[in-house]
Amino acid sequence: MRKILYLLFIPLLMTGCKEVKNHTTDYVSPAPEFCVDSAYAYMENQCAFGPRIMNSAAHDSCGEYIAQKFKGFGLTIYDQYADSKLYDGTPIKMRNIIASFNPEAAERILISGHWDSRQWADNDPEEANHNTPVLAANDGASSIGVMIEIARQLQLQADSNKVQIGVDFICWDAEDSGESGSANESSWCLGSQYWSGIRHVDGYTARYGINLDMVGGRNTVFYREQYSMAYAPAVVDKVWGAAHRIGYGKYFSYEDKGGAITDDHLQVNRGGIPCIDVIGSDKEKGGFPSTWHTIYDTMENIDKAVLKAVGQTMLEVIFTEQK
C-alpha cells in the first residue's frame, strides 16, 4: 500500500474541531459488546492460510473463507471479480468482497478494509527479508476481523430493530501491491480503484464510509488523517466523538499529527462518497507501526485492547446512526 505520511499540510474544509470529552457514568450505549476474542480468532484464521498475496492459493482460499463467514452471519454477498495488472505489468485476478446487512434499505453506510497481503517485506530492517511475503496480521487481517465480528453482532441484534439503515462491509483486494518508494499513486489500491468506477450495485451510494487499516497493532494510536479531514470532516467528528463518548479517547487522538495517506478511502471519496481512514500510527515514534511491511506483522504483535477500541467504536457509530 502506498501509505506515506506526507509532511505537507492540506487545508481543511472545517475549522474549530472541538474535542469531545469522555463519556460520563450515566451514558448508556445502545451498542452491543464487541467480542474481541472473536475478532482475534477471525484474524488467526486468515493468517493460517499464509500471506494472501495476489495470484496465490492462500489468497483465493482466504477470500472464500471471508465471504463464507459474512454469509454465515446472514449478510448478502456481492463479489467483484476483475482482471488487472500490477505496476510492473504482472497480470492479477482481483476479488472485492462486499457483504451487505439489511440490503433492501435505501439509506446505507460503508465500512471497509483490505484483505490482501503485500508480496514483499520491503520495510524490514533486514535487507535479506525484502523479498519475503508479509503475513499481514495487522496490515490486512485486523480490519477484516473487526468487520466480521461487527457483522456477527448485527445478526445477533437484528430482531431488536435497533439498526434500520443498511451497512455494507467492503473487503478490498489488491490494495498492497504498489511500487515501493514510488510517487505513482495509481499503483496502489487497485481493488478500490475498480469499485469506484464500477459499483457492486448499479447506482450504489452511501451516507459515508469508514475505511479501517492496521487497527490491531501494539503501541497504536489513531490520528485524524488529513485527506479524511479535507473530504469528510463531519465523519471524522462522528467517529472520534463516538470513541471519546464510550471511553476510548486515548486511542483516538485529537493531536494534529495525522499525515495525508494514500489509502482506499481516497478512491471512495473520488467516487462521491465522503469517507475517512481510521489507520494506525505508532504512538511513540510516529508514522506507521513498526511492523508495517516487515516479517514481524504477525499475530504475536497484535494488541486486543486496540482491536476492542476500534470494534466498539464502530458499533457505537452504527447503533447511534438514525434512519
C-alpha atoms as a PDB file:
ATOM      1  CA  MET A   1       0.000   0.000   0.000  1.00  0.00           C
ATOM      2  CA  ARG A   2       1.206   3.473  -0.806  1.00  0.00           C
ATOM      3  CA  LYS A   3       0.779   4.732   2.726  1.00  0.00           C
ATOM      4  CA  ILE A   4       3.295   7.519   3.058  1.00  0.00           C
ATOM      5  CA  LEU A   5       2.827  10.136   5.753  1.00  0.00           C
ATOM      6  CA  TYR A   6       3.261  13.319   3.749  1.00  0.00           C
ATOM      7  CA  LEU A   7       4.590  16.322   5.582  1.00  0.00           C
ATOM      8  CA  LEU A   8       2.708  18.914   3.575  1.00  0.00           C
ATOM      9  CA  PHE A   9      -0.368  20.410   5.150  1.00  0.00           C
ATOM     10  CA  ILE A  10      -3.713  20.073   3.400  1.00  0.00           C
ATOM     11  CA  PRO A  11      -6.135  22.952   4.068  1.00  0.00           C
ATOM     12  CA  LEU A  12      -9.123  21.691   5.992  1.00  0.00           C
ATOM     13  CA  LEU A  13     -12.674  22.230   4.907  1.00  0.00           C
ATOM     14  CA  MET A  14     -13.636  22.717   8.522  1.00  0.00           C
ATOM     15  CA  THR A  15     -12.238  24.826  11.337  1.00  0.00           C
ATOM     16  CA  GLY A  16     -12.549  24.751  15.084  1.00  0.00           C
ATOM     17  CA  CYS A  17     -12.863  20.975  15.599  1.00  0.00           C
ATOM     18  CA  LYS A  18     -13.535  20.646  19.307  1.00  0.00           C
ATOM     19  CA  GLU A  19     -12.527  17.762  21.482  1.00  0.00           C
ATOM     20  CA  VAL A  20     -15.378  15.650  22.845  1.00  0.00           C
ATOM     21  CA  LYS A  21     -14.919  14.710  26.467  1.00  0.00           C
ATOM     22  CA  ASN A  22     -15.026  11.088  27.600  1.00  0.00           C
ATOM     23  CA  HIS A  23     -18.410   9.641  28.375  1.00  0.00           C
ATOM     24  CA  THR A  24     -19.946  10.206  31.789  1.00  0.00           C
ATOM     25  CA  THR A  25     -21.066   7.387  34.038  1.00  0.00           C
ATOM     26  CA  ASP A  26     -24.713   7.923  33.151  1.00  0.00           C
ATOM     27  CA  TYR A  27     -24.251   7.353  29.426  1.00  0.00           C
ATOM     28  CA  VAL A  28     -25.716   4.035  28.276  1.00  0.00           C
ATOM     29  CA  SER A  29     -24.622   2.997  24.808  1.00  0.00           C
ATOM     30  CA  PRO A  30     -27.222   1.288  22.602  1.00  0.00           C
ATOM     31  CA  ALA A  31     -24.476  -0.828  21.034  1.00  0.00           C
ATOM     32  CA  PRO A  32     -23.812  -4.449  21.975  1.00  0.00           C
ATOM     33  CA  GLU A  33     -20.475  -5.552  23.375  1.00  0.00           C
ATOM     34  CA  PHE A  34     -17.766  -6.090  20.779  1.00  0.00           C
ATOM     35  CA  CYS A  35     -16.241  -9.534  21.387  1.00  0.00           C
ATOM     36  CA  VAL A  36     -12.544  -9.003  20.821  1.00  0.00           C
ATOM     37  CA  ASP A  37     -11.755 -12.717  21.192  1.00  0.00           C
ATOM     38  CA  SER A  38     -13.967 -13.466  18.198  1.00  0.00           C
ATOM     39  CA  ALA A  39     -12.298 -10.773  16.098  1.00  0.00           C
ATOM     40  CA  TYR A  40      -8.895 -12.126  17.111  1.00  0.00           C
ATOM     41  CA  ALA A  41      -9.922 -15.641  16.068  1.00  0.00           C
ATOM     42  CA  TYR A  42     -11.071 -14.389  12.658  1.00  0.00           C
ATOM     43  CA  MET A  43      -7.650 -12.799  12.251  1.00  0.00           C
ATOM     44  CA  GLU A  44      -5.877 -16.023  13.213  1.00  0.00           C
ATOM     45  CA  ASN A  45      -7.940 -17.936  10.693  1.00  0.00           C
ATOM     46  CA  GLN A  46      -6.974 -15.546   7.913  1.00  0.00           C
ATOM     47  CA  CYS A  47      -3.296 -15.750   8.811  1.00  0.00           C
ATOM     48  CA  ALA A  48      -3.469 -19.551   8.913  1.00  0.00           C
ATOM     49  CA  PHE A  49      -3.772 -19.517   5.115  1.00  0.00           C
ATOM     50  CA  GLY A  50      -0.396 -17.767   4.922  1.00  0.00           C
ATOM     51  CA  PRO A  51       0.327 -14.479   3.134  1.00  0.00           C
ATOM     52  CA  ARG A  52      -2.680 -13.555   0.967  1.00  0.00           C
ATOM     53  CA  ILE A  53      -0.581 -12.294  -1.933  1.00  0.00           C
ATOM     54  CA  MET A  54      -2.086 -11.867  -5.371  1.00  0.00           C
ATOM     55  CA  ASN A  55      -2.382 -14.944  -7.637  1.00  0.00           C
ATOM     56  CA  SER A  56      -1.750 -17.376  -4.772  1.00  0.00           C
ATOM     57  CA  ALA A  57      -3.740 -20.328  -3.451  1.00  0.00           C
ATOM     58  CA  ALA A  58      -3.633 -18.759   0.027  1.00  0.00           C
ATOM     59  CA  HIS A  59      -5.223 -15.597  -1.360  1.00  0.00           C
ATOM     60  CA  ASP A  60      -8.026 -17.476  -3.097  1.00  0.00           C
ATOM     61  CA  SER A  61      -8.757 -19.759  -0.139  1.00  0.00           C
ATOM     62  CA  CYS A  62      -8.819 -16.871   2.330  1.00  0.00           C
ATOM     63  CA  GLY A  63     -11.155 -14.902   0.093  1.00  0.00           C
ATOM     64  CA  GLU A  64     -13.612 -17.779   0.162  1.00  0.00           C
ATOM     65  CA  TYR A  65     -13.284 -18.011   3.950  1.00  0.00           C
ATOM     66  CA  ILE A  66     -14.089 -14.308   4.350  1.00  0.00           C
ATOM     67  CA  ALA A  67     -17.120 -14.486   2.061  1.00  0.00           C
ATOM     68  CA  GLN A  68     -18.483 -17.559   3.813  1.00  0.00           C
ATOM     69  CA  LYS A  69     -18.083 -16.018   7.282  1.00  0.00           C
ATOM     70  CA  PHE A  70     -20.122 -12.980   6.291  1.00  0.00           C
ATOM     71  CA  LYS A  71     -22.673 -15.172   4.537  1.00  0.00           C
ATOM     72  CA  GLY A  72     -22.940 -17.362   7.624  1.00  0.00           C
ATOM     73  CA  PHE A  73     -23.994 -14.308   9.623  1.00  0.00           C
ATOM     74  CA  GLY A  74     -26.855 -13.655   7.259  1.00  0.00           C
ATOM     75  CA  LEU A  75     -25.336 -10.960   5.047  1.00  0.00           C
ATOM     76  CA  THR A  76     -25.861 -10.746   1.305  1.00  0.00           C
ATOM     77  CA  ILE A  77     -22.628 -11.282  -0.633  1.00  0.00           C
ATOM     78  CA  TYR A  78     -21.666  -9.419  -3.800  1.00  0.00           C
ATOM     79  CA  ASP A  79     -18.441 -10.489  -5.478  1.00  0.00           C
ATOM     80  CA  GLN A  80     -16.468  -8.284  -7.817  1.00  0.00           C
ATOM     81  CA  TYR A  81     -14.029 -10.344  -9.837  1.00  0.00           C
ATOM     82  CA  ALA A  82     -11.750  -8.392 -12.136  1.00  0.00           C
ATOM     83  CA  ASP A  83      -8.510  -8.718 -14.079  1.00  0.00           C
ATOM     84  CA  SER A  84      -5.877  -6.065 -13.509  1.00  0.00           C
ATOM     85  CA  LYS A  85      -2.128  -5.525 -13.700  1.00  0.00           C
ATOM     86  CA  LEU A  86       0.474  -4.561 -11.168  1.00  0.00           C
ATOM     87  CA  TYR A  87       2.777  -1.612 -11.759  1.00  0.00           C
ATOM     88  CA  ASP A  88       5.319  -3.943 -13.408  1.00  0.00           C
ATOM     89  CA  GLY A  89       2.773  -5.413 -15.807  1.00  0.00           C
ATOM     90  CA  THR A  90       2.130  -8.633 -13.885  1.00  0.00           C
ATOM     91  CA  PRO A  91      -1.462  -9.729 -14.552  1.00  0.00           C
ATOM     92  CA  ILE A  92      -3.561 -10.379 -11.442  1.00  0.00           C
ATOM     93  CA  LYS A  93      -7.048 -11.567 -10.656  1.00  0.00           C
ATOM     94  CA  MET A  94      -8.800  -9.462  -8.029  1.00  0.00           C
ATOM     95  CA  ARG A  95     -11.808 -10.145  -5.825  1.00  0.00           C
ATOM     96  CA  ASN A  96     -13.558  -7.392  -3.923  1.00  0.00           C
ATOM     97  CA  ILE A  97     -15.928  -8.975  -1.409  1.00  0.00           C
ATOM     98  CA  ILE A  98     -18.965  -6.916  -0.416  1.00  0.00           C
ATOM     99  CA  ALA A  99     -21.187  -8.124   2.435  1.00  0.00           C
ATOM    100  CA  SER A 100     -24.443  -6.222   2.952  1.00  0.00           C
ATOM    101  CA  PHE A 101     -26.551  -6.087   6.089  1.00  0.00           C
ATOM    102  CA  ASN A 102     -30.157  -5.030   5.515  1.00  0.00           C
ATOM    103  CA  PRO A 103     -29.579  -4.875   1.734  1.00  0.00           C
ATOM    104  CA  GLU A 104     -33.059  -3.546   0.977  1.00  0.00           C
ATOM    105  CA  ALA A 105     -32.507  -0.327   2.980  1.00  0.00           C
ATOM    106  CA  ALA A 106     -32.069   2.766   0.831  1.00  0.00           C
ATOM    107  CA  GLU A 107     -30.012   4.625   3.455  1.00  0.00           C
ATOM    108  CA  ARG A 108     -26.601   2.996   3.940  1.00  0.00           C
ATOM    109  CA  ILE A 109     -23.152   3.380   5.452  1.00  0.00           C
ATOM    110  CA  LEU A 110     -19.963   1.718   4.290  1.00  0.00           C
ATOM    111  CA  ILE A 111     -17.204   0.133   6.380  1.00  0.00           C
ATOM    112  CA  SER A 112     -14.186  -1.185   4.522  1.00  0.00           C
ATOM    113  CA  GLY A 113     -10.684  -2.588   4.753  1.00  0.00           C
ATOM    114  CA  HIS A 114      -8.291  -4.541   2.552  1.00  0.00           C
ATOM    115  CA  TRP A 115      -7.743  -8.276   2.844  1.00  0.00           C
ATOM    116  CA  ASP A 116      -4.677  -8.887   0.653  1.00  0.00           C
ATOM    117  CA  SER A 117      -1.069  -9.095   1.847  1.00  0.00           C
ATOM    118  CA  ARG A 118       1.993  -7.374   0.489  1.00  0.00           C
ATOM    119  CA  GLN A 119       4.294  -9.596  -1.574  1.00  0.00           C
ATOM    120  CA  TRP A 120       7.484  -8.057  -0.247  1.00  0.00           C
ATOM    121  CA  ALA A 121       8.615  -7.131   3.276  1.00  0.00           C
ATOM    122  CA  ASP A 122      10.417  -4.140   1.793  1.00  0.00           C
ATOM    123  CA  ASN A 123      10.391  -2.138   5.033  1.00  0.00           C
ATOM    124  CA  ASP A 124      12.008  -4.913   7.063  1.00  0.00           C
ATOM    125  CA  PRO A 125      15.163  -3.886   8.940  1.00  0.00           C
ATOM    126  CA  GLU A 126      16.978  -6.852   7.360  1.00  0.00           C
ATOM    127  CA  GLU A 127      17.532  -6.440   3.624  1.00  0.00           C
ATOM    128  CA  ALA A 128      17.621 -10.232   3.253  1.00  0.00           C
ATOM    129  CA  ASN A 129      13.888 -10.255   4.074  1.00  0.00           C
ATOM    130  CA  HIS A 130      12.854  -7.685   1.473  1.00  0.00           C
ATOM    131  CA  ASN A 131      11.579 -10.317  -0.968  1.00  0.00           C
ATOM    132  CA  THR A 132       9.687 -12.262   1.700  1.00  0.00           C
ATOM    133  CA  PRO A 133       5.871 -12.033   1.662  1.00  0.00           C
ATOM    134  CA  VAL A 134       4.212 -10.289   4.615  1.00  0.00           C
ATOM    135  CA  LEU A 135       1.791 -12.314   6.764  1.00  0.00           C
ATOM    136  CA  ALA A 136      -0.182  -9.093   7.371  1.00  0.00           C
ATOM    137  CA  ALA A 137      -1.862  -9.827  10.682  1.00  0.00           C
ATOM    138  CA  ASN A 138      -2.250  -6.115  11.363  1.00  0.00           C
ATOM    139  CA  ASP A 139      -1.969  -4.729   7.832  1.00  0.00           C
ATOM    140  CA  GLY A 140      -4.930  -6.636   6.423  1.00  0.00           C
ATOM    141  CA  ALA A 141      -6.347  -9.286   8.743  1.00  0.00           C
ATOM    142  CA  SER A 142      -7.108  -6.895  11.614  1.00  0.00           C
ATOM    143  CA  SER A 143      -9.575  -4.791   9.616  1.00  0.00           C
ATOM    144  CA  ILE A 144     -11.374  -7.852   8.253  1.00  0.00           C
ATOM    145  CA  GLY A 145     -11.504  -9.490  11.689  1.00  0.00           C
ATOM    146  CA  VAL A 146     -13.148  -6.399  13.157  1.00  0.00           C
ATOM    147  CA  MET A 147     -15.632  -6.202  10.292  1.00  0.00           C
ATOM    148  CA  ILE A 148     -16.653  -9.864  10.562  1.00  0.00           C
ATOM    149  CA  GLU A 149     -17.263  -9.508  14.294  1.00  0.00           C
ATOM    150  CA  ILE A 150     -19.384  -6.398  13.703  1.00  0.00           C
ATOM    151  CA  ALA A 151     -21.410  -8.414  11.189  1.00  0.00           C
ATOM    152  CA  ARG A 152     -21.906 -11.146  13.783  1.00  0.00           C
ATOM    153  CA  GLN A 153     -23.168  -8.606  16.293  1.00  0.00           C
ATOM    154  CA  LEU A 154     -25.553  -7.125  13.744  1.00  0.00           C
ATOM    155  CA  GLN A 155     -27.049 -10.558  13.150  1.00  0.00           C
ATOM    156  CA  LEU A 156     -27.433 -11.159  16.898  1.00  0.00           C
ATOM    157  CA  GLN A 157     -29.199  -7.815  17.281  1.00  0.00           C
ATOM    158  CA  ALA A 158     -31.270  -7.998  14.089  1.00  0.00           C
ATOM    159  CA  ASP A 159     -34.555  -8.788  15.860  1.00  0.00           C
ATOM    160  CA  SER A 160     -34.223  -5.703  18.084  1.00  0.00           C
ATOM    161  CA  ASN A 161     -34.648  -3.434  15.044  1.00  0.00           C
ATOM    162  CA  LYS A 162     -32.106  -1.008  16.534  1.00  0.00           C
ATOM    163  CA  VAL A 163     -30.236  -0.721  13.238  1.00  0.00           C
ATOM    164  CA  GLN A 164     -32.631   0.233  10.456  1.00  0.00           C
ATOM    165  CA  ILE A 165     -30.083   1.528   7.962  1.00  0.00           C
ATOM    166  CA  GLY A 166     -28.051  -0.682   5.666  1.00  0.00           C
ATOM    167  CA  VAL A 167     -24.399  -1.462   6.399  1.00  0.00           C
ATOM    168  CA  ASP A 168     -22.034  -2.575   3.651  1.00  0.00           C
ATOM    169  CA  PHE A 169     -18.722  -4.214   4.521  1.00  0.00           C
ATOM    170  CA  ILE A 170     -16.303  -3.947   1.603  1.00  0.00           C
ATOM    171  CA  CYS A 171     -13.162  -6.081   1.644  1.00  0.00           C
ATOM    172  CA  TRP A 172     -10.803  -4.512  -0.866  1.00  0.00           C
ATOM    173  CA  ASP A 173      -8.377  -6.599  -2.847  1.00  0.00           C
ATOM    174  CA  ALA A 174      -5.005  -5.651  -4.376  1.00  0.00           C
ATOM    175  CA  GLU A 175      -4.503  -2.681  -2.065  1.00  0.00           C
ATOM    176  CA  ASP A 176      -0.984  -3.531  -1.048  1.00  0.00           C
ATOM    177  CA  SER A 177       0.907  -4.352  -4.260  1.00  0.00           C
ATOM    178  CA  GLY A 178       2.104  -0.891  -5.205  1.00  0.00           C
ATOM    179  CA  GLU A 179       5.565   0.161  -6.259  1.00  0.00           C
ATOM    180  CA  SER A 180       7.848   0.698  -3.278  1.00  0.00           C
ATOM    181  CA  GLY A 181       9.154   4.236  -2.902  1.00  0.00           C
ATOM    182  CA  SER A 182       7.319   5.462  -5.986  1.00  0.00           C
ATOM    183  CA  ALA A 183       5.185   8.563  -6.319  1.00  0.00           C
ATOM    184  CA  ASN A 184       2.926   6.553  -8.643  1.00  0.00           C
ATOM    185  CA  GLU A 185      -0.239   6.687  -6.555  1.00  0.00           C
ATOM    186  CA  SER A 186      -2.201   4.645  -9.103  1.00  0.00           C
ATOM    187  CA  SER A 187      -0.123   1.512  -8.448  1.00  0.00           C
ATOM    188  CA  TRP A 188      -1.828   1.114  -5.060  1.00  0.00           C
ATOM    189  CA  CYS A 189      -5.416   0.347  -4.053  1.00  0.00           C
ATOM    190  CA  LEU A 190      -6.345  -1.424  -7.282  1.00  0.00           C
ATOM    191  CA  GLY A 191      -9.490  -3.030  -5.864  1.00  0.00           C
ATOM    192  CA  SER A 192     -10.992   0.234  -4.663  1.00  0.00           C
ATOM    193  CA  GLN A 193      -9.974   1.937  -7.909  1.00  0.00           C
ATOM    194  CA  TYR A 194     -12.009  -0.668  -9.780  1.00  0.00           C
ATOM    195  CA  TRP A 195     -15.006  -0.319  -7.449  1.00  0.00           C
ATOM    196  CA  SER A 196     -15.019   3.461  -7.667  1.00  0.00           C
ATOM    197  CA  GLY A 197     -15.679   3.115 -11.392  1.00  0.00           C
ATOM    198  CA  ILE A 198     -17.913   0.028 -11.346  1.00  0.00           C
ATOM    199  CA  ARG A 199     -20.043  -0.346  -8.219  1.00  0.00           C
ATOM    200  CA  HIS A 200     -21.229  -3.717  -6.953  1.00  0.00           C
ATOM    201  CA  VAL A 201     -24.810  -2.436  -7.292  1.00  0.00           C
ATOM    202  CA  ASP A 202     -25.820  -0.033 -10.053  1.00  0.00           C
ATOM    203  CA  GLY A 203     -26.256   3.473  -8.660  1.00  0.00           C
ATOM    204  CA  TYR A 204     -24.902   2.489  -5.240  1.00  0.00           C
ATOM    205  CA  THR A 205     -24.229   5.276  -2.787  1.00  0.00           C
ATOM    206  CA  ALA A 206     -23.908   5.656   0.971  1.00  0.00           C
ATOM    207  CA  ARG A 207     -24.144   8.441   3.536  1.00  0.00           C
ATOM    208  CA  TYR A 208     -20.457   7.992   4.329  1.00  0.00           C
ATOM    209  CA  GLY A 209     -17.691   5.453   4.571  1.00  0.00           C
ATOM    210  CA  ILE A 210     -15.133   4.430   7.192  1.00  0.00           C
ATOM    211  CA  ASN A 211     -12.018   2.620   5.997  1.00  0.00           C
ATOM    212  CA  LEU A 212     -10.096   0.588   8.580  1.00  0.00           C
ATOM    213  CA  ASP A 213      -6.400  -0.135   8.205  1.00  0.00           C
ATOM    214  CA  MET A 214      -3.852  -1.517  10.681  1.00  0.00           C
ATOM    215  CA  VAL A 215      -6.310  -1.441  13.575  1.00  0.00           C
ATOM    216  CA  GLY A 216      -4.759  -4.048  15.882  1.00  0.00           C
ATOM    217  CA  GLY A 217      -1.063  -3.380  16.338  1.00  0.00           C
ATOM    218  CA  ARG A 218       0.770  -2.787  19.598  1.00  0.00           C
ATOM    219  CA  ASN A 219       1.515   0.817  20.599  1.00  0.00           C
ATOM    220  CA  THR A 220      -1.144   2.076  18.219  1.00  0.00           C
ATOM    221  CA  VAL A 221      -2.895   5.419  18.220  1.00  0.00           C
ATOM    222  CA  PHE A 222      -5.288   6.838  15.618  1.00  0.00           C
ATOM    223  CA  TYR A 223      -4.771  10.412  14.464  1.00  0.00           C
ATOM    224  CA  ARG A 224      -7.121  12.371  12.204  1.00  0.00           C
ATOM    225  CA  GLU A 225      -5.796  11.643   8.730  1.00  0.00           C
ATOM    226  CA  GLN A 226      -5.568  14.753   6.571  1.00  0.00           C
ATOM    227  CA  TYR A 227      -7.364  13.559   3.439  1.00  0.00           C
ATOM    228  CA  SER A 228     -10.181  12.473   5.739  1.00  0.00           C
ATOM    229  CA  MET A 229     -10.291  15.946   7.252  1.00  0.00           C
ATOM    230  CA  ALA A 230     -10.330  17.529   3.805  1.00  0.00           C
ATOM    231  CA  TYR A 231     -13.023  15.305   2.292  1.00  0.00           C
ATOM    232  CA  ALA A 232     -15.151  14.241   5.249  1.00  0.00           C
ATOM    233  CA  PRO A 233     -14.535  16.259   8.458  1.00  0.00           C
ATOM    234  CA  ALA A 234     -18.040  15.586   9.789  1.00  0.00           C
ATOM    235  CA  VAL A 235     -17.416  11.843   9.594  1.00  0.00           C
ATOM    236  CA  VAL A 236     -14.117  12.261  11.451  1.00  0.00           C
ATOM    237  CA  ASP A 237     -16.015  14.153  14.165  1.00  0.00           C
ATOM    238  CA  LYS A 238     -18.637  11.419  14.309  1.00  0.00           C
ATOM    239  CA  VAL A 239     -16.117   8.594  14.775  1.00  0.00           C
ATOM    240  CA  TRP A 240     -13.729  10.389  17.132  1.00  0.00           C
ATOM    241  CA  GLY A 241     -16.683  11.693  19.131  1.00  0.00           C
ATOM    242  CA  ALA A 242     -18.073   8.169  19.484  1.00  0.00           C
ATOM    243  CA  ALA A 243     -14.712   6.852  20.686  1.00  0.00           C
ATOM    244  CA  HIS A 244     -14.382   9.563  23.341  1.00  0.00           C
ATOM    245  CA  ARG A 245     -18.016   9.166  24.398  1.00  0.00           C
ATOM    246  CA  ILE A 246     -17.539   5.497  25.281  1.00  0.00           C
ATOM    247  CA  GLY A 247     -14.122   5.853  26.889  1.00  0.00           C
ATOM    248  CA  TYR A 248     -11.591   5.139  24.108  1.00  0.00           C
ATOM    249  CA  GLY A 249     -10.237   8.643  23.759  1.00  0.00           C
ATOM    250  CA  LYS A 250      -6.666   7.565  24.477  1.00  0.00           C
ATOM    251  CA  TYR A 251      -6.674   5.606  21.233  1.00  0.00           C
ATOM    252  CA  PHE A 252      -8.407   8.237  19.075  1.00  0.00           C
ATOM    253  CA  SER A 253      -6.240  11.317  19.453  1.00  0.00           C
ATOM    254  CA  TYR A 254      -7.158  14.913  18.615  1.00  0.00           C
ATOM    255  CA  GLU A 255      -3.486  15.842  18.294  1.00  0.00           C
ATOM    256  CA  ASP A 256      -2.686  17.207  14.848  1.00  0.00           C
ATOM    257  CA  LYS A 257      -0.182  14.508  13.926  1.00  0.00           C
ATOM    258  CA  GLY A 258      -2.081  12.734  11.176  1.00  0.00           C
ATOM    259  CA  GLY A 259      -0.466  12.832   7.751  1.00  0.00           C
ATOM    260  CA  ALA A 260      -2.106  12.583   4.332  1.00  0.00           C
ATOM    261  CA  ILE A 261      -2.175   8.927   3.376  1.00  0.00           C
ATOM    262  CA  THR A 262      -2.923   7.290   0.053  1.00  0.00           C
ATOM    263  CA  ASP A 263      -5.320   4.531   1.002  1.00  0.00           C
ATOM    264  CA  ASP A 264      -8.613   3.024  -0.177  1.00  0.00           C
ATOM    265  CA  HIS A 265     -10.671   5.860   1.300  1.00  0.00           C
ATOM    266  CA  LEU A 266      -9.314   8.186  -1.392  1.00  0.00           C
ATOM    267  CA  GLN A 267     -10.987   6.140  -4.116  1.00  0.00           C
ATOM    268  CA  VAL A 268     -14.290   6.133  -2.208  1.00  0.00           C
ATOM    269  CA  ASN A 269     -14.113   9.917  -1.844  1.00  0.00           C
ATOM    270  CA  ARG A 270     -13.305  10.363  -5.508  1.00  0.00           C
ATOM    271  CA  GLY A 271     -16.330   8.220  -6.248  1.00  0.00           C
ATOM    272  CA  GLY A 272     -18.553  10.751  -4.488  1.00  0.00           C
ATOM    273  CA  ILE A 273     -18.987   9.180  -1.043  1.00  0.00           C
ATOM    274  CA  PRO A 274     -17.371  11.032   1.920  1.00  0.00           C
ATOM    275  CA  CYS A 275     -15.020   8.538   3.525  1.00  0.00           C
ATOM    276  CA  ILE A 276     -12.386   8.611   6.255  1.00  0.00           C
ATOM    277  CA  ASP A 277      -9.369   6.489   7.093  1.00  0.00           C
ATOM    278  CA  VAL A 278      -9.018   5.020  10.574  1.00  0.00           C
ATOM    279  CA  ILE A 279      -5.386   3.979  10.251  1.00  0.00           C
ATOM    280  CA  GLY A 280      -2.920   3.064  12.964  1.00  0.00           C
ATOM    281  CA  SER A 281       0.170   5.089  13.847  1.00  0.00           C
ATOM    282  CA  ASP A 282       2.994   4.298  16.258  1.00  0.00           C
ATOM    283  CA  LYS A 283       2.180   6.321  19.361  1.00  0.00           C
ATOM    284  CA  GLU A 284       5.836   6.531  20.430  1.00  0.00           C
ATOM    285  CA  LYS A 285       7.763   7.001  17.189  1.00  0.00           C
ATOM    286  CA  GLY A 286       5.052   8.391  14.912  1.00  0.00           C
ATOM    287  CA  GLY A 287       4.496   7.167  11.382  1.00  0.00           C
ATOM    288  CA  PHE A 288       3.251   3.674  10.662  1.00  0.00           C
ATOM    289  CA  PRO A 289       3.516   0.817  13.177  1.00  0.00           C
ATOM    290  CA  SER A 290       6.990  -0.701  13.386  1.00  0.00           C
ATOM    291  CA  THR A 291       5.766  -3.986  11.891  1.00  0.00           C
ATOM    292  CA  TRP A 292       4.498  -2.310   8.688  1.00  0.00           C
ATOM    293  CA  HIS A 293       5.746  -4.193   5.609  1.00  0.00           C
ATOM    294  CA  THR A 294       8.051  -6.395   7.692  1.00  0.00           C
ATOM    295  CA  ILE A 295       8.140 -10.099   8.531  1.00  0.00           C
ATOM    296  CA  TYR A 296       7.076  -9.132  12.072  1.00  0.00           C
ATOM    297  CA  ASP A 297       3.498  -8.300  11.102  1.00  0.00           C
ATOM    298  CA  THR A 298       2.272 -11.419  12.891  1.00  0.00           C
ATOM    299  CA  MET A 299      -0.367 -12.328  15.477  1.00  0.00           C
ATOM    300  CA  GLU A 300       2.247 -12.073  18.243  1.00  0.00           C
ATOM    301  CA  ASN A 301       2.313  -8.320  17.704  1.00  0.00           C
ATOM    302  CA  ILE A 302      -1.454  -7.789  17.913  1.00  0.00           C
ATOM    303  CA  ASP A 303      -2.967  -5.947  20.888  1.00  0.00           C
ATOM    304  CA  LYS A 304      -6.526  -6.972  21.738  1.00  0.00           C
ATOM    305  CA  ALA A 305      -7.092  -3.681  23.554  1.00  0.00           C
ATOM    306  CA  VAL A 306      -6.583  -1.775  20.296  1.00  0.00           C
ATOM    307  CA  LEU A 307      -8.912  -4.138  18.425  1.00  0.00           C
ATOM    308  CA  LYS A 308     -11.527  -3.658  21.144  1.00  0.00           C
ATOM    309  CA  ALA A 309     -11.301   0.137  20.966  1.00  0.00           C
ATOM    310  CA  VAL A 310     -11.846   0.156  17.210  1.00  0.00           C
ATOM    311  CA  GLY A 311     -14.555  -2.502  17.143  1.00  0.00           C
ATOM    312  CA  GLN A 312     -16.566  -0.972  19.976  1.00  0.00           C
ATOM    313  CA  THR A 313     -16.285   2.475  18.429  1.00  0.00           C
ATOM    314  CA  MET A 314     -17.576   1.176  15.102  1.00  0.00           C
ATOM    315  CA  LEU A 315     -20.551  -0.450  16.845  1.00  0.00           C
ATOM    316  CA  GLU A 316     -21.257   2.806  18.664  1.00  0.00           C
ATOM    317  CA  VAL A 317     -21.302   4.656  15.349  1.00  0.00           C
ATOM    318  CA  ILE A 318     -23.621   2.109  13.727  1.00  0.00           C
ATOM    319  CA  PHE A 319     -26.060   1.802  16.620  1.00  0.00           C
ATOM    320  CA  THR A 320     -26.384   5.570  17.059  1.00  0.00           C
ATOM    321  CA  GLU A 321     -26.963   6.244  13.355  1.00  0.00           C
ATOM    322  CA  GLN A 322     -30.529   7.361  12.786  1.00  0.00           C
ATOM    323  CA  LYS A 323     -32.667   6.366   9.841  1.00  0.00           C
END
